[in-house]
């Protein structure tokens, strides 16, 4: 019964929710009075430069920024990584910005898959971003200009852990149910099911980021919980497996 499955989730599946509690200070391994560690900054700039050179793109780099939890008060010793964004104008590459987006995302995925770079214990994730793309983070630091673009402010946020867990559980259960059907359904029927769940996950995050709570909203925390306990990667794996199995 689904009820039994609902109750089967062990604490490790939901443990990441505790990491959403905000800290009193920025991560001391990186920051001293809002000044970034010089060695960390130079390493991140070197990684960004090497990654961008590997793409063979000729567009001018407008900025290289650090964002995400390591540029804010919601950092986690276990789950945080460096969100390293390289800002360019996609139209400087090609007028077909959709095609450029697909190219840079593919380049990002290949680089992140082929490299396991850690600085001060945290993994580095690179990303090429169009300068016109909205970025709603409340903490953005320019590594090129050595200054805050958006300086984080300490806010009084108490995540509704019970609500986050309940919403995440329903999605986790749906994903597990779909996983059981990967060998039974034809590809078209299976991918329709997995896309329905994936769209729900994305809608949770988008509605959360668009709300007053922003990155500290329940919707965004649900997305983060699913990512931190491996369910986002499980969706991607199921998509690939179902596609391959249709030819077996």
Protein backbone atom coordinates (compact mmCIF):
# COMPACT_ATOMS: atom_id res chain seq x y z
CA UNK A 1 0.00 0.00 0.00
CA UNK A 2 1.10 3.56 -0.63
CA UNK A 3 0.60 4.37 3.03
CA UNK A 4 3.24 1.83 3.98
CA UNK A 5 5.61 3.26 1.40
CA UNK A 6 4.90 6.75 2.70
CA UNK A 7 6.01 5.68 6.16
CA UNK A 8 9.11 3.86 4.91
CA UNK A 9 11.20 6.99 4.36
CA UNK A 10 14.05 6.82 6.83
CA UNK A 11 15.54 9.79 8.59
CA UNK A 12 18.44 9.95 6.12
CA UNK A 13 15.99 10.86 3.33
CA UNK A 14 14.73 13.86 5.27
CA UNK A 15 17.84 14.74 7.28
CA UNK A 16 18.97 17.44 4.79
CA UNK A 17 16.02 19.62 5.83
CA UNK A 18 17.98 20.53 8.96
CA UNK A 19 20.63 22.18 6.79
CA UNK A 20 18.16 24.92 5.78
CA UNK A 21 18.50 26.72 9.09
CA UNK A 22 20.35 29.99 8.62
CA UNK A 23 23.75 30.56 10.22
CA UNK A 24 24.72 33.61 12.23
CA UNK A 25 27.68 34.40 9.96
CA UNK A 26 28.96 33.77 6.46
CA UNK A 27 31.16 30.71 6.05
CA UNK A 28 34.41 31.55 7.91
CA UNK A 29 36.45 29.37 5.55
CA UNK A 30 35.70 31.89 2.79
CA UNK A 31 34.81 35.18 4.42
CA UNK A 32 36.23 37.59 6.96
CA UNK A 33 34.04 40.63 7.54
CA UNK A 34 32.52 40.20 4.05
CA UNK A 35 36.00 40.05 2.49
CA UNK A 36 36.66 36.90 0.50
CA UNK A 37 39.70 34.73 1.13
CA UNK A 38 42.23 35.77 -1.49
CA UNK A 39 43.44 32.24 -2.19
CA UNK A 40 39.88 31.01 -2.69
CA UNK A 41 39.14 33.89 -5.05
CA UNK A 42 42.22 33.22 -7.19
CA UNK A 43 41.46 29.49 -7.39
CA UNK A 44 37.87 30.16 -8.45
CA UNK A 45 38.97 32.62 -11.11
CA UNK A 46 41.49 30.11 -12.46
CA UNK A 47 38.83 27.38 -12.65
CA UNK A 48 36.38 29.73 -14.37
CA UNK A 49 39.03 30.78 -16.89
CA UNK A 50 40.06 27.19 -17.66
CA UNK A 51 36.46 26.08 -18.06
CA UNK A 52 35.53 28.98 -20.32
CA UNK A 53 38.64 28.43 -22.48
CA UNK A 54 37.59 24.80 -22.93
CA UNK A 55 34.33 25.91 -24.60
CA UNK A 56 36.14 27.81 -27.40
CA UNK A 57 33.59 30.62 -27.10
CA UNK A 58 34.83 34.05 -28.14
CA UNK A 59 32.25 36.22 -26.37
CA UNK A 60 33.69 38.65 -23.85
CA UNK A 61 33.24 37.66 -20.23
CA UNK A 62 31.25 40.41 -18.51
CA UNK A 63 31.78 39.11 -14.99
CA UNK A 64 32.50 36.01 -12.90
CA UNK A 65 30.41 35.77 -9.77
CA UNK A 66 30.03 33.52 -6.75
CA UNK A 67 26.47 32.98 -5.65
CA UNK A 68 24.36 30.44 -3.82
CA UNK A 69 24.64 29.32 -0.21
CA UNK A 70 28.39 29.94 0.11
CA UNK A 71 27.67 33.60 -0.59
CA UNK A 72 24.91 33.71 1.98
CA UNK A 73 23.86 32.72 5.49
CA UNK A 74 22.22 29.44 4.45
CA UNK A 75 25.50 27.61 3.84
CA UNK A 76 25.92 24.02 4.94
CA UNK A 77 29.10 22.19 5.87
CA UNK A 78 27.81 19.04 4.19
CA UNK A 79 25.71 20.20 1.24
CA UNK A 80 27.05 23.55 0.03
CA UNK A 81 29.15 24.00 -3.09
CA UNK A 82 30.57 26.93 -5.04
CA UNK A 83 28.04 28.26 -7.56
CA UNK A 84 30.47 29.82 -10.00
CA UNK A 85 28.70 31.78 -12.75
CA UNK A 86 30.41 33.18 -15.85
CA UNK A 87 28.35 36.01 -17.32
CA UNK A 88 28.36 36.62 -21.07
CA UNK A 89 25.98 38.03 -23.65
CA UNK A 90 24.58 35.01 -25.50
CA UNK A 91 23.88 37.21 -28.54
CA UNK A 92 27.63 37.79 -28.83
CA UNK A 93 27.85 34.08 -29.62
CA UNK A 94 24.82 33.71 -31.89
CA UNK A 95 21.43 35.32 -32.37
CA UNK A 96 19.85 31.95 -31.63
CA UNK A 97 20.13 32.26 -27.85
CA UNK A 98 18.19 29.03 -27.30
CA UNK A 99 20.89 27.15 -29.19
CA UNK A 100 23.61 28.95 -27.22
CA UNK A 101 21.87 28.01 -23.98
CA UNK A 102 21.84 24.34 -24.98
CA UNK A 103 25.52 24.50 -25.91
CA UNK A 104 26.71 26.11 -22.68
CA UNK A 105 24.57 23.77 -20.57
CA UNK A 106 26.12 20.80 -22.36
CA UNK A 107 29.61 22.22 -21.81
CA UNK A 108 28.80 22.76 -18.13
CA UNK A 109 27.53 19.21 -17.69
CA UNK A 110 30.60 17.70 -19.33
CA UNK A 111 33.00 19.82 -17.26
CA UNK A 112 31.25 19.15 -13.96
CA UNK A 113 31.09 15.44 -14.75
CA UNK A 114 34.76 15.21 -15.68
CA UNK A 115 36.09 17.22 -12.74
CA UNK A 116 35.85 16.80 -8.99
CA UNK A 117 37.42 20.04 -7.75
CA UNK A 118 37.14 20.94 -4.09
CA UNK A 119 38.31 24.09 -2.35
CA UNK A 120 38.21 24.21 1.43
CA UNK A 121 36.18 21.00 1.25
CA UNK A 122 33.43 22.30 -1.06
CA UNK A 123 32.83 21.17 -4.64
CA UNK A 124 33.00 23.70 -7.47
CA UNK A 125 30.09 23.87 -9.95
CA UNK A 126 30.54 26.08 -13.01
CA UNK A 127 27.78 27.68 -15.07
CA UNK A 128 27.65 30.06 -18.02
CA UNK A 129 24.85 32.59 -17.63
CA UNK A 130 23.40 35.11 -20.06
CA UNK A 131 23.65 38.64 -18.72
CA UNK A 132 19.92 39.10 -19.33
CA UNK A 133 18.95 36.05 -17.27
CA UNK A 134 17.25 37.04 -14.01
CA UNK A 135 19.23 36.02 -10.94
CA UNK A 136 17.18 36.15 -7.77
CA UNK A 137 19.85 35.20 -5.26
CA UNK A 138 20.22 37.47 -2.22
CA UNK A 139 23.97 36.93 -2.21
CA UNK A 140 26.11 37.64 -5.31
CA UNK A 141 29.83 38.43 -5.15
CA UNK A 142 31.82 39.58 -8.19
CA UNK A 143 35.18 37.79 -8.26
CA UNK A 144 36.43 39.97 -11.13
CA UNK A 145 35.53 43.24 -9.44
CA UNK A 146 36.21 41.96 -5.92
CA UNK A 147 32.99 43.40 -4.52
CA UNK A 148 29.44 42.45 -3.61
CA UNK A 149 26.83 42.87 -6.34
CA UNK A 150 24.14 41.82 -3.88
CA UNK A 151 25.35 41.80 -0.30
CA UNK A 152 23.49 39.22 1.81
CA UNK A 153 21.49 40.39 4.77
CA UNK A 154 20.72 38.34 7.83
CA UNK A 155 17.01 37.61 7.83
CA UNK A 156 14.76 36.05 10.42
CA UNK A 157 13.63 32.88 8.65
CA UNK A 158 12.41 29.73 10.35
CA UNK A 159 11.82 27.07 7.66
CA UNK A 160 8.58 25.14 8.11
CA UNK A 161 10.32 21.77 8.32
CA UNK A 162 7.11 19.76 8.64
CA UNK A 163 5.61 21.39 5.55
CA UNK A 164 8.83 20.89 3.57
CA UNK A 165 8.99 17.22 4.57
CA UNK A 166 5.37 16.53 3.69
CA UNK A 167 5.59 18.12 0.24
CA UNK A 168 8.91 16.38 -0.46
CA UNK A 169 7.57 13.00 0.71
CA UNK A 170 4.70 13.07 -1.78
CA UNK A 171 7.11 13.75 -4.64
CA UNK A 172 9.62 11.15 -3.44
CA UNK A 173 6.85 8.57 -3.26
CA UNK A 174 5.71 9.44 -6.80
CA UNK A 175 9.27 9.11 -8.11
CA UNK A 176 9.75 5.75 -6.39
CA UNK A 177 6.44 4.51 -7.84
CA UNK A 178 7.57 5.55 -11.31
CA UNK A 179 10.92 3.84 -10.78
CA UNK A 180 9.07 0.58 -10.19
CA UNK A 181 7.42 0.96 -13.59
CA UNK A 182 10.50 1.67 -15.70
CA UNK A 183 10.52 -1.92 -17.01
CA UNK A 184 6.76 -2.12 -17.49
CA UNK A 185 5.71 0.99 -19.40
CA UNK A 186 6.45 1.84 -22.99
CA UNK A 187 8.79 4.81 -23.32
CA UNK A 188 6.09 7.31 -24.32
CA UNK A 189 3.89 6.44 -21.34
CA UNK A 190 6.81 6.38 -18.92
CA UNK A 191 8.33 9.68 -20.01
CA UNK A 192 4.91 11.33 -19.73
CA UNK A 193 4.74 10.24 -16.08
CA UNK A 194 8.27 11.33 -15.21
CA UNK A 195 7.84 14.67 -16.98
CA UNK A 196 4.66 15.31 -15.00
CA UNK A 197 6.55 14.85 -11.73
CA UNK A 198 9.55 16.85 -12.96
CA UNK A 199 7.33 19.76 -13.99
CA UNK A 200 5.74 19.69 -10.55
CA UNK A 201 9.18 19.90 -8.94
CA UNK A 202 10.17 22.82 -11.17
CA UNK A 203 6.89 24.59 -10.48
CA UNK A 204 7.50 24.25 -6.74
CA UNK A 205 10.82 25.98 -7.10
CA UNK A 206 9.69 28.67 -9.54
CA UNK A 207 6.64 29.61 -7.49
CA UNK A 208 8.83 29.71 -4.40
CA UNK A 209 11.48 31.93 -5.97
CA UNK A 210 8.79 34.22 -7.38
CA UNK A 211 7.10 34.55 -3.98
CA UNK A 212 7.94 36.95 -1.20
CA UNK A 213 10.05 34.29 0.50
CA UNK A 214 12.29 33.91 -2.56
CA UNK A 215 15.17 31.49 -2.04
CA UNK A 216 14.02 30.99 1.57
CA UNK A 217 10.53 29.89 0.49
CA UNK A 218 9.04 26.48 1.18
CA UNK A 219 8.91 25.73 -2.56
CA UNK A 220 12.63 26.34 -3.01
CA UNK A 221 13.46 24.37 0.14
CA UNK A 222 11.43 21.41 -1.18
CA UNK A 223 13.53 21.50 -4.36
CA UNK A 224 16.75 21.67 -2.34
CA UNK A 225 15.68 18.76 -0.13
CA UNK A 226 14.95 16.62 -3.19
CA UNK A 227 18.31 17.55 -4.69
CA UNK A 228 20.26 16.93 -1.51
CA UNK A 229 18.77 13.49 -0.92
CA UNK A 230 19.38 12.39 -4.51
CA UNK A 231 15.87 12.51 -5.95
CA UNK A 232 16.63 15.13 -8.61
CA UNK A 233 19.47 12.99 -9.95
CA UNK A 234 17.15 9.96 -9.75
CA UNK A 235 14.71 11.71 -12.11
CA UNK A 236 17.52 12.39 -14.59
CA UNK A 237 18.71 8.77 -14.37
CA UNK A 238 15.20 7.43 -14.92
CA UNK A 239 14.83 9.58 -18.03
CA UNK A 240 18.05 8.17 -19.50
CA UNK A 241 17.30 4.58 -18.52
CA UNK A 242 13.81 4.65 -19.98
CA UNK A 243 15.08 6.05 -23.26
CA UNK A 244 17.77 3.38 -23.58
CA UNK A 245 15.45 0.51 -22.65
CA UNK A 246 12.96 1.25 -25.42
CA UNK A 247 15.54 -0.15 -27.86
CA UNK A 248 16.21 -3.37 -25.92
